[in-house]
Amino acid sequence: MRLLAVFCAVSVLHFVLSVAGVVLALPAAFAYQHGFWAAPVKITLAWTAAVLLSPLALISPRDYGTLEIAVVSVLVGLAAAAITYAVGRARRAGRRPGG
């Protein structure tokens, strides 16, 4: 149940931040012309989306839509659940994670 909660939380958060960043990318670009402090929240969200969606730039140089963003969000959620599982299993075995 815990792994499902981690998967859902990470996937939804990744998707929402990515889509919001893509939607605000153009207004943030125009606001950035007046300096960072003209619209710091928009610019930071657009930068965050660029980082979160960087796997898409490596895989596909073409434009991407919400389907591709959803796939990347699911993969990030699966990775977070796998890391949570590995750390929990290592703790139950009595050793430190990664060692």
PDB file of N, CA and C in Angstrom:
ATOM      1  N   MET A   1       0.826  -1.195   0.000  1.00  0.00           N
ATOM      2  CA  MET A   1       0.000   0.000   0.000  1.00  0.00           C
ATOM      3  C   MET A   1       0.868   1.255   0.000  1.00  0.00           C
ATOM      4  N   ARG A   2       1.976   1.179   0.744  1.00  0.00           N
ATOM      5  CA  ARG A   2       2.882   2.327   0.816  1.00  0.00           C
ATOM      6  C   ARG A   2       3.535   2.600  -0.536  1.00  0.00           C
ATOM      7  N   LEU A   3       3.907   1.529  -1.233  1.00  0.00           N
ATOM      8  CA  LEU A   3       4.529   1.709  -2.550  1.00  0.00           C
ATOM      9  C   LEU A   3       3.551   2.322  -3.545  1.00  0.00           C
ATOM     10  N   LEU A   4       2.296   1.926  -3.456  1.00  0.00           N
ATOM     11  CA  LEU A   4       1.284   2.504  -4.331  1.00  0.00           C
ATOM     12  C   LEU A   4       1.100   3.994  -4.040  1.00  0.00           C
ATOM     13  N   ALA A   5       1.126   4.353  -2.761  1.00  0.00           N
ATOM     14  CA  ALA A   5       1.002   5.766  -2.390  1.00  0.00           C
ATOM     15  C   ALA A   5       2.189   6.573  -2.892  1.00  0.00           C
ATOM     16  N   VAL A   6       3.393   6.018  -2.768  1.00  0.00           N
ATOM     17  CA  VAL A   6       4.592   6.711  -3.274  1.00  0.00           C
ATOM     18  C   VAL A   6       4.510   6.863  -4.785  1.00  0.00           C
ATOM     19  N   PHE A   7       4.130   5.782  -5.470  1.00  0.00           N
ATOM     20  CA  PHE A   7       4.014   5.824  -6.926  1.00  0.00           C
ATOM     21  C   PHE A   7       3.017   6.900  -7.372  1.00  0.00           C
ATOM     22  N   CYS A   8       1.823   6.887  -6.768  1.00  0.00           N
ATOM     23  CA  CYS A   8       0.779   7.845  -7.160  1.00  0.00           C
ATOM     24  C   CYS A   8       1.185   9.281  -6.852  1.00  0.00           C
ATOM     25  N   ALA A   9       1.733   9.508  -5.668  1.00  0.00           N
ATOM     26  CA  ALA A   9       2.112  10.863  -5.277  1.00  0.00           C
ATOM     27  C   ALA A   9       3.202  11.424  -6.188  1.00  0.00           C
ATOM     28  N   VAL A  10       4.220  10.632  -6.444  1.00  0.00           N
ATOM     29  CA  VAL A  10       5.329  11.110  -7.278  1.00  0.00           C
ATOM     30  C   VAL A  10       4.878  11.305  -8.723  1.00  0.00           C
ATOM     31  N   SER A  11       4.099  10.368  -9.250  1.00  0.00           N
ATOM     32  CA  SER A  11       3.636  10.486 -10.634  1.00  0.00           C
ATOM     33  C   SER A  11       2.744  11.704 -10.835  1.00  0.00           C
ATOM     34  N   VAL A  12       1.791  11.898  -9.931  1.00  0.00           N
ATOM     35  CA  VAL A  12       0.879  13.040 -10.066  1.00  0.00           C
ATOM     36  C   VAL A  12       1.631  14.357  -9.886  1.00  0.00           C
ATOM     37  N   LEU A  13       2.511  14.429  -8.904  1.00  0.00           N
ATOM     38  CA  LEU A  13       3.281  15.660  -8.699  1.00  0.00           C
ATOM     39  C   LEU A  13       4.159  15.969  -9.910  1.00  0.00           C
ATOM     40  N   HIS A  14       4.806  14.962 -10.450  1.00  0.00           N
ATOM     41  CA  HIS A  14       5.644  15.161 -11.634  1.00  0.00           C
ATOM     42  C   HIS A  14       4.802  15.645 -12.809  1.00  0.00           C
ATOM     43  N   PHE A  15       3.657  15.021 -13.030  1.00  0.00           N
ATOM     44  CA  PHE A  15       2.802  15.396 -14.156  1.00  0.00           C
ATOM     45  C   PHE A  15       2.283  16.824 -14.006  1.00  0.00           C
ATOM     46  N   VAL A  16       1.797  17.168 -12.823  1.00  0.00           N
ATOM     47  CA  VAL A  16       1.235  18.510 -12.608  1.00  0.00           C
ATOM     48  C   VAL A  16       2.312  19.580 -12.771  1.00  0.00           C
ATOM     49  N   LEU A  17       3.474  19.372 -12.170  1.00  0.00           N
ATOM     50  CA  LEU A  17       4.546  20.362 -12.311  1.00  0.00           C
ATOM     51  C   LEU A  17       5.020  20.481 -13.758  1.00  0.00           C
ATOM     52  N   SER A  18       5.090  19.365 -14.451  1.00  0.00           N
ATOM     53  CA  SER A  18       5.546  19.392 -15.847  1.00  0.00           C
ATOM     54  C   SER A  18       4.563  20.126 -16.748  1.00  0.00           C
ATOM     55  N   VAL A  19       3.287  19.798 -16.629  1.00  0.00           N
ATOM     56  CA  VAL A  19       2.286  20.446 -17.480  1.00  0.00           C
ATOM     57  C   VAL A  19       2.172  21.929 -17.142  1.00  0.00           C
ATOM     58  N   ALA A  20       2.183  22.267 -15.861  1.00  0.00           N
ATOM     59  CA  ALA A  20       2.114  23.679 -15.472  1.00  0.00           C
ATOM     60  C   ALA A  20       3.329  24.443 -15.996  1.00  0.00           C
ATOM     61  N   GLY A  21       4.485  23.821 -15.952  1.00  0.00           N
ATOM     62  CA  GLY A  21       5.682  24.472 -16.474  1.00  0.00           C
ATOM     63  C   GLY A  21       5.634  24.676 -17.974  1.00  0.00           C
ATOM     64  N   VAL A  22       5.103  23.687 -18.698  1.00  0.00           N
ATOM     65  CA  VAL A  22       4.978  23.822 -20.148  1.00  0.00           C
ATOM     66  C   VAL A  22       3.982  24.923 -20.493  1.00  0.00           C
ATOM     67  N   VAL A  23       2.878  24.974 -19.761  1.00  0.00           N
ATOM     68  CA  VAL A  23       1.863  25.998 -20.018  1.00  0.00           C
ATOM     69  C   VAL A  23       2.411  27.395 -19.730  1.00  0.00           C
ATOM     70  N   LEU A  24       3.221  27.528 -18.693  1.00  0.00           N
ATOM     71  CA  LEU A  24       3.749  28.839 -18.316  1.00  0.00           C
ATOM     72  C   LEU A  24       5.088  29.177 -18.962  1.00  0.00           C
ATOM     73  N   ALA A  25       5.596  28.321 -19.835  1.00  0.00           N
ATOM     74  CA  ALA A  25       6.919  28.561 -20.414  1.00  0.00           C
ATOM     75  C   ALA A  25       6.965  29.828 -21.262  1.00  0.00           C
ATOM     76  N   LEU A  26       5.983  30.034 -22.102  1.00  0.00           N
ATOM     77  CA  LEU A  26       5.991  31.219 -22.958  1.00  0.00           C
ATOM     78  C   LEU A  26       5.806  32.511 -22.165  1.00  0.00           C
ATOM     79  N   PRO A  27       4.818  32.613 -21.263  1.00  0.00           N
ATOM     80  CA  PRO A  27       4.722  33.836 -20.453  1.00  0.00           C
ATOM     81  C   PRO A  27       5.974  34.064 -19.597  1.00  0.00           C
ATOM     82  N   ALA A  28       6.589  32.984 -19.126  1.00  0.00           N
ATOM     83  CA  ALA A  28       7.805  33.137 -18.322  1.00  0.00           C
ATOM     84  C   ALA A  28       8.957  33.650 -19.170  1.00  0.00           C
ATOM     85  N   ALA A  29       9.002  33.230 -20.428  1.00  0.00           N
ATOM     86  CA  ALA A  29      10.067  33.704 -21.306  1.00  0.00           C
ATOM     87  C   ALA A  29       9.954  35.209 -21.538  1.00  0.00           C
ATOM     88  N   PHE A  30       8.722  35.691 -21.706  1.00  0.00           N
ATOM     89  CA  PHE A  30       8.549  37.128 -21.887  1.00  0.00           C
ATOM     90  C   PHE A  30       8.810  37.885 -20.589  1.00  0.00           C
ATOM     91  N   ALA A  31       8.428  37.314 -19.465  1.00  0.00           N
ATOM     92  CA  ALA A  31       8.664  37.971 -18.178  1.00  0.00           C
ATOM     93  C   ALA A  31      10.152  38.012 -17.852  1.00  0.00           C
ATOM     94  N   TYR A  32      10.902  37.000 -18.316  1.00  0.00           N
ATOM     95  CA  TYR A  32      12.334  36.926 -18.020  1.00  0.00           C
ATOM     96  C   TYR A  32      13.110  38.044 -18.718  1.00  0.00           C
ATOM     97  N   GLN A  33      12.546  38.611 -19.772  1.00  0.00           N
ATOM     98  CA  GLN A  33      13.216  39.709 -20.466  1.00  0.00           C
ATOM     99  C   GLN A  33      13.353  40.929 -19.573  1.00  0.00           C
ATOM    100  N   HIS A  34      12.508  41.034 -18.570  1.00  0.00           N
ATOM    101  CA  HIS A  34      12.573  42.162 -17.645  1.00  0.00           C
ATOM    102  C   HIS A  34      13.344  41.817 -16.375  1.00  0.00           C
ATOM    103  N   GLY A  35      13.992  40.670 -16.356  1.00  0.00           N
ATOM    104  CA  GLY A  35      14.750  40.239 -15.188  1.00  0.00           C
ATOM    105  C   GLY A  35      14.013  39.158 -14.427  1.00  0.00           C
ATOM    106  N   PHE A  36      14.765  38.422 -13.623  1.00  0.00           N
ATOM    107  CA  PHE A  36      14.192  37.292 -12.898  1.00  0.00           C
ATOM    108  C   PHE A  36      13.080  37.728 -11.951  1.00  0.00           C
ATOM    109  N   TRP A  37      13.230  38.858 -11.305  1.00  0.00           N
ATOM    110  CA  TRP A  37      12.277  39.271 -10.281  1.00  0.00           C
ATOM    111  C   TRP A  37      10.968  39.815 -10.849  1.00  0.00           C
ATOM    112  N   ALA A  38      10.843  39.888 -12.183  1.00  0.00           N
ATOM    113  CA  ALA A  38       9.578  40.315 -12.775  1.00  0.00           C
ATOM    114  C   ALA A  38       8.489  39.267 -12.533  1.00  0.00           C
ATOM    115  N   ALA A  39       8.836  37.988 -12.604  1.00  0.00           N
ATOM    116  CA  ALA A  39       7.877  36.900 -12.367  1.00  0.00           C
ATOM    117  C   ALA A  39       8.641  35.670 -11.872  1.00  0.00           C
ATOM    118  N   PRO A  40       9.139  35.709 -10.640  1.00  0.00           N
ATOM    119  CA  PRO A  40      10.005  34.614 -10.176  1.00  0.00           C
ATOM    120  C   PRO A  40       9.313  33.257 -10.084  1.00  0.00           C
ATOM    121  N   VAL A  41       8.029  33.230  -9.750  1.00  0.00           N
ATOM    122  CA  VAL A  41       7.335  31.942  -9.625  1.00  0.00           C
ATOM    123  C   VAL A  41       7.146  31.299 -10.998  1.00  0.00           C
ATOM    124  N   LYS A  42       6.730  32.080 -11.990  1.00  0.00           N
ATOM    125  CA  LYS A  42       6.561  31.541 -13.343  1.00  0.00           C
ATOM    126  C   LYS A  42       7.884  31.019 -13.893  1.00  0.00           C
ATOM    127  N   ILE A  43       8.937  31.781 -13.701  1.00  0.00           N
ATOM    128  CA  ILE A  43      10.238  31.401 -14.249  1.00  0.00           C
ATOM    129  C   ILE A  43      10.768  30.156 -13.555  1.00  0.00           C
ATOM    130  N   THR A  44      10.618  30.084 -12.238  1.00  0.00           N
ATOM    131  CA  THR A  44      11.083  28.912 -11.508  1.00  0.00           C
ATOM    132  C   THR A  44      10.295  27.674 -11.904  1.00  0.00           C
ATOM    133  N   LEU A  45       8.997  27.803 -12.100  1.00  0.00           N
ATOM    134  CA  LEU A  45       8.176  26.673 -12.519  1.00  0.00           C
ATOM    135  C   LEU A  45       8.550  26.218 -13.932  1.00  0.00           C
ATOM    136  N   ALA A  46       8.836  27.151 -14.807  1.00  0.00           N
ATOM    137  CA  ALA A  46       9.252  26.784 -16.167  1.00  0.00           C
ATOM    138  C   ALA A  46      10.608  26.082 -16.141  1.00  0.00           C
ATOM    139  N   TRP A  47      11.532  26.538 -15.296  1.00  0.00           N
ATOM    140  CA  TRP A  47      12.831  25.866 -15.169  1.00  0.00           C
ATOM    141  C   TRP A  47      12.666  24.476 -14.578  1.00  0.00           C
ATOM    142  N   THR A  48      11.781  24.350 -13.595  1.00  0.00           N
ATOM    143  CA  THR A  48      11.519  23.041 -12.984  1.00  0.00           C
ATOM    144  C   THR A  48      10.966  22.070 -14.021  1.00  0.00           C
ATOM    145  N   ALA A  49      10.053  22.528 -14.835  1.00  0.00           N
ATOM    146  CA  ALA A  49       9.495  21.669 -15.887  1.00  0.00           C
ATOM    147  C   ALA A  49      10.571  21.261 -16.884  1.00  0.00           C
ATOM    148  N   ALA A  50      11.476  22.163 -17.191  1.00  0.00           N
ATOM    149  CA  ALA A  50      12.553  21.818 -18.118  1.00  0.00           C
ATOM    150  C   ALA A  50      13.427  20.703 -17.546  1.00  0.00           C
ATOM    151  N   VAL A  51      13.686  20.750 -16.262  1.00  0.00           N
ATOM    152  CA  VAL A  51      14.483  19.699 -15.624  1.00  0.00           C
ATOM    153  C   VAL A  51      13.702  18.393 -15.562  1.00  0.00           C
ATOM    154  N   LEU A  52      12.428  18.463 -15.189  1.00  0.00           N
ATOM    155  CA  LEU A  52      11.621  17.255 -15.076  1.00  0.00           C
ATOM    156  C   LEU A  52      11.398  16.575 -16.422  1.00  0.00           C
ATOM    157  N   LEU A  53      11.352  17.347 -17.475  1.00  0.00           N
ATOM    158  CA  LEU A  53      11.093  16.785 -18.800  1.00  0.00           C
ATOM    159  C   LEU A  53      12.366  16.561 -19.612  1.00  0.00           C
ATOM    160  N   SER A  54      13.520  16.666 -19.000  1.00  0.00           N
ATOM    161  CA  SER A  54      14.767  16.463 -19.730  1.00  0.00           C
ATOM    162  C   SER A  54      14.900  15.067 -20.330  1.00  0.00           C
ATOM    163  N   PRO A  55      14.328  14.003 -19.731  1.00  0.00           N
ATOM    164  CA  PRO A  55      14.400  12.705 -20.424  1.00  0.00           C
ATOM    165  C   PRO A  55      13.728  12.717 -21.799  1.00  0.00           C
ATOM    166  N   LEU A  56      12.689  13.509 -21.968  1.00  0.00           N
ATOM    167  CA  LEU A  56      12.041  13.593 -23.282  1.00  0.00           C
ATOM    168  C   LEU A  56      12.954  14.209 -24.323  1.00  0.00           C
ATOM    169  N   ALA A  57      13.769  15.166 -23.927  1.00  0.00           N
ATOM    170  CA  ALA A  57      14.696  15.793 -24.867  1.00  0.00           C
ATOM    171  C   ALA A  57      15.761  14.791 -25.324  1.00  0.00           C
ATOM    172  N   LEU A  58      16.133  13.871 -24.441  1.00  0.00           N
ATOM    173  CA  LEU A  58      17.127  12.865 -24.815  1.00  0.00           C
ATOM    174  C   LEU A  58      16.532  11.786 -25.718  1.00  0.00           C
ATOM    175  N   ILE A  59      15.276  11.452 -25.486  1.00  0.00           N
ATOM    176  CA  ILE A  59      14.629  10.376 -26.245  1.00  0.00           C
ATOM    177  C   ILE A  59      14.125  10.876 -27.592  1.00  0.00           C
ATOM    178  N   SER A  60      13.427  12.007 -27.573  1.00  0.00           N
ATOM    179  CA  SER A  60      12.753  12.471 -28.774  1.00  0.00           C
ATOM    180  C   SER A  60      13.026  13.958 -29.004  1.00  0.00           C
ATOM    181  N   PRO A  61      13.642  14.317 -30.111  1.00  0.00           N
ATOM    182  CA  PRO A  61      13.891  15.735 -30.370  1.00  0.00           C
ATOM    183  C   PRO A  61      12.656  16.487 -30.874  1.00  0.00           C
ATOM    184  N   ARG A  62      11.579  15.770 -31.159  1.00  0.00           N
ATOM    185  CA  ARG A  62      10.370  16.432 -31.675  1.00  0.00           C
ATOM    186  C   ARG A  62       9.550  17.010 -30.526  1.00  0.00           C
ATOM    187  N   ASP A  63       8.496  17.695 -30.884  1.00  0.00           N
ATOM    188  CA  ASP A  63       7.596  18.231 -29.866  1.00  0.00           C
ATOM    189  C   ASP A  63       6.893  17.085 -29.142  1.00  0.00           C
ATOM    190  N   TYR A  64       6.527  17.329 -27.920  1.00  0.00           N
ATOM    191  CA  TYR A  64       5.851  16.307 -27.143  1.00  0.00           C
ATOM    192  C   TYR A  64       4.592  16.886 -26.527  1.00  0.00           C
ATOM    193  N   GLY A  65       3.660  15.994 -26.223  1.00  0.00           N
ATOM    194  CA  GLY A  65       2.371  16.395 -25.661  1.00  0.00           C
ATOM    195  C   GLY A  65       2.140  15.761 -24.307  1.00  0.00           C
ATOM    196  N   THR A  66       0.879  15.787 -23.890  1.00  0.00           N
ATOM    197  CA  THR A  66       0.568  15.292 -22.557  1.00  0.00           C
ATOM    198  C   THR A  66       0.743  13.777 -22.439  1.00  0.00           C
ATOM    199  N   LEU A  67       0.592  13.052 -23.529  1.00  0.00           N
ATOM    200  CA  LEU A  67       0.791  11.600 -23.465  1.00  0.00           C
ATOM    201  C   LEU A  67       2.249  11.271 -23.132  1.00  0.00           C
ATOM    202  N   GLU A  68       3.172  11.927 -23.792  1.00  0.00           N
ATOM    203  CA  GLU A  68       4.580  11.687 -23.512  1.00  0.00           C
ATOM    204  C   GLU A  68       4.947  12.123 -22.099  1.00  0.00           C
ATOM    205  N   ILE A  69       4.364  13.237 -21.646  1.00  0.00           N
ATOM    206  CA  ILE A  69       4.620  13.711 -20.285  1.00  0.00           C
ATOM    207  C   ILE A  69       4.072  12.694 -19.279  1.00  0.00           C
ATOM    208  N   ALA A  70       2.900  12.119 -19.568  1.00  0.00           N
ATOM    209  CA  ALA A  70       2.320  11.115 -18.673  1.00  0.00           C
ATOM    210  C   ALA A  70       3.193   9.860 -18.606  1.00  0.00           C
ATOM    211  N   VAL A  71       3.752   9.450 -19.728  1.00  0.00           N
ATOM    212  CA  VAL A  71       4.626   8.272 -19.737  1.00  0.00           C
ATOM    213  C   VAL A  71       5.863   8.521 -18.883  1.00  0.00           C
ATOM    214  N   VAL A  72       6.477   9.680 -19.031  1.00  0.00           N
ATOM    215  CA  VAL A  72       7.649  10.007 -18.222  1.00  0.00           C
ATOM    216  C   VAL A  72       7.260  10.084 -16.742  1.00  0.00           C
ATOM    217  N   SER A  73       6.091  10.627 -16.432  1.00  0.00           N
ATOM    218  CA  SER A  73       5.638  10.707 -15.046  1.00  0.00           C
ATOM    219  C   SER A  73       5.448   9.317 -14.448  1.00  0.00           C
ATOM    220  N   VAL A  74       4.893   8.397 -15.216  1.00  0.00           N
ATOM    221  CA  VAL A  74       4.726   7.019 -14.733  1.00  0.00           C
ATOM    222  C   VAL A  74       6.082   6.368 -14.504  1.00  0.00           C
ATOM    223  N   LEU A  75       7.026   6.585 -15.400  1.00  0.00           N
ATOM    224  CA  LEU A  75       8.361   6.009 -15.224  1.00  0.00           C
ATOM    225  C   LEU A  75       9.061   6.571 -13.999  1.00  0.00           C
ATOM    226  N   VAL A  76       8.910   7.865 -13.751  1.00  0.00           N
ATOM    227  CA  VAL A  76       9.498   8.467 -12.558  1.00  0.00           C
ATOM    228  C   VAL A  76       8.824   7.910 -11.306  1.00  0.00           C
ATOM    229  N   GLY A  77       7.515   7.725 -11.345  1.00  0.00           N
ATOM    230  CA  GLY A  77       6.801   7.123 -10.221  1.00  0.00           C
ATOM    231  C   GLY A  77       7.252   5.697  -9.956  1.00  0.00           C
ATOM    232  N   LEU A  78       7.453   4.910 -11.013  1.00  0.00           N
ATOM    233  CA  LEU A  78       7.957   3.545 -10.853  1.00  0.00           C
ATOM    234  C   LEU A  78       9.357   3.532 -10.250  1.00  0.00           C
ATOM    235  N   ALA A  79      10.192   4.458 -10.682  1.00  0.00           N
ATOM    236  CA  ALA A  79      11.539   4.543 -10.114  1.00  0.00           C
ATOM    237  C   ALA A  79      11.486   4.908  -8.632  1.00  0.00           C
ATOM    238  N   ALA A  80      10.615   5.830  -8.261  1.00  0.00           N
ATOM    239  CA  ALA A  80      10.484   6.201  -6.855  1.00  0.00           C
ATOM    240  C   ALA A  80       9.973   5.036  -6.018  1.00  0.00           C
ATOM    241  N   ALA A  81       9.021   4.279  -6.540  1.00  0.00           N
ATOM    242  CA  ALA A  81       8.511   3.108  -5.820  1.00  0.00           C
ATOM    243  C   ALA A  81       9.590   2.032  -5.688  1.00  0.00           C
ATOM    244  N   ALA A  82      10.376   1.831  -6.725  1.00  0.00           N
ATOM    245  CA  ALA A  82      11.456   0.840  -6.664  1.00  0.00           C
ATOM    246  C   ALA A  82      12.516   1.243  -5.637  1.00  0.00           C
ATOM    247  N   ILE A  83      12.848   2.519  -5.581  1.00  0.00           N
ATOM    248  CA  ILE A  83      13.823   2.986  -4.598  1.00  0.00           C
ATOM    249  C   ILE A  83      13.265   2.829  -3.192  1.00  0.00           C
ATOM    250  N   THR A  84      11.994   3.160  -3.005  1.00  0.00           N
ATOM    251  CA  THR A  84      11.366   2.992  -1.695  1.00  0.00           C
ATOM    252  C   THR A  84      11.372   1.524  -1.275  1.00  0.00           C
ATOM    253  N   TYR A  85      11.065   0.637  -2.203  1.00  0.00           N
ATOM    254  CA  TYR A  85      11.073  -0.802  -1.913  1.00  0.00           C
ATOM    255  C   TYR A  85      12.471  -1.273  -1.534  1.00  0.00           C
ATOM    256  N   ALA A  86      13.486  -0.852  -2.287  1.00  0.00           N
ATOM    257  CA  ALA A  86      14.858  -1.281  -2.015  1.00  0.00           C
ATOM    258  C   ALA A  86      15.350  -0.780  -0.658  1.00  0.00           C
ATOM    259  N   VAL A  87      15.034   0.460  -0.333  1.00  0.00           N
ATOM    260  CA  VAL A  87      15.459   1.010   0.960  1.00  0.00           C
ATOM    261  C   VAL A  87      14.740   0.288   2.098  1.00  0.00           C
ATOM    262  N   GLY A  88      13.446   0.023   1.950  1.00  0.00           N
ATOM    263  CA  GLY A  88      12.702  -0.702   2.980  1.00  0.00           C
ATOM    264  C   GLY A  88      13.204  -2.121   3.166  1.00  0.00           C
ATOM    265  N   ARG A  89      13.505  -2.767   2.072  1.00  0.00           N
ATOM    266  CA  ARG A  89      14.033  -4.133   2.161  1.00  0.00           C
ATOM    267  C   ARG A  89      15.403  -4.156   2.821  1.00  0.00           C
ATOM    268  N   ALA A  90      16.241  -3.177   2.521  1.00  0.00           N
ATOM    269  CA  ALA A  90      17.556  -3.106   3.146  1.00  0.00           C
ATOM    270  C   ALA A  90      17.441  -2.827   4.645  1.00  0.00           C
ATOM    271  N   ARG A  91      16.503  -1.994   5.025  1.00  0.00           N
ATOM    272  CA  ARG A  91      16.308  -1.721   6.457  1.00  0.00           C
ATOM    273  C   ARG A  91      15.806  -2.955   7.189  1.00  0.00           C
ATOM    274  N   ARG A  92      14.899  -3.692   6.563  1.00  0.00           N
ATOM    275  CA  ARG A  92      14.394  -4.913   7.202  1.00  0.00           C
ATOM    276  C   ARG A  92      15.484  -5.964   7.335  1.00  0.00           C
ATOM    277  N   ALA A  93      16.413  -5.974   6.408  1.00  0.00           N
ATOM    278  CA  ALA A  93      17.510  -6.945   6.463  1.00  0.00           C
ATOM    279  C   ALA A  93      18.578  -6.523   7.464  1.00  0.00           C
ATOM    280  N   GLY A  94      18.512  -5.316   7.960  1.00  0.00           N
ATOM    281  CA  GLY A  94      19.454  -4.867   8.984  1.00  0.00           C
ATOM    282  C   GLY A  94      20.740  -4.272   8.463  1.00  0.00           C
ATOM    283  N   ARG A  95      20.729  -3.856   7.234  1.00  0.00           N
ATOM    284  CA  ARG A  95      21.941  -3.218   6.718  1.00  0.00           C
ATOM    285  C   ARG A  95      21.578  -1.860   6.143  1.00  0.00           C
ATOM    286  N   ARG A  96      22.600  -1.061   5.945  1.00  0.00           N
ATOM    287  CA  ARG A  96      22.374   0.273   5.399  1.00  0.00           C
ATOM    288  C   ARG A  96      22.091   0.187   3.909  1.00  0.00           C
ATOM    289  N   PRO A  97      21.191   1.062   3.398  1.00  0.00           N
ATOM    290  CA  PRO A  97      20.924   1.062   1.956  1.00  0.00           C
ATOM    291  C   PRO A  97      22.160   1.497   1.169  1.00  0.00           C
ATOM    292  N   GLY A  98      22.412   0.826   0.073  1.00  0.00           N
ATOM    293  CA  GLY A  98      23.522   1.205  -0.807  1.00  0.00           C
ATOM    294  C   GLY A  98      24.855   0.690  -0.328  1.00  0.00           C
ATOM    295  N   GLY A  99      24.908  -0.113   0.690  1.00  0.00           N
ATOM    296  CA  GLY A  99      26.200  -0.564   1.197  1.00  0.00           C
ATOM    297  C   GLY A  99      26.304  -2.015   1.432  1.00  0.00           C
TER     298      GLY A  99
END
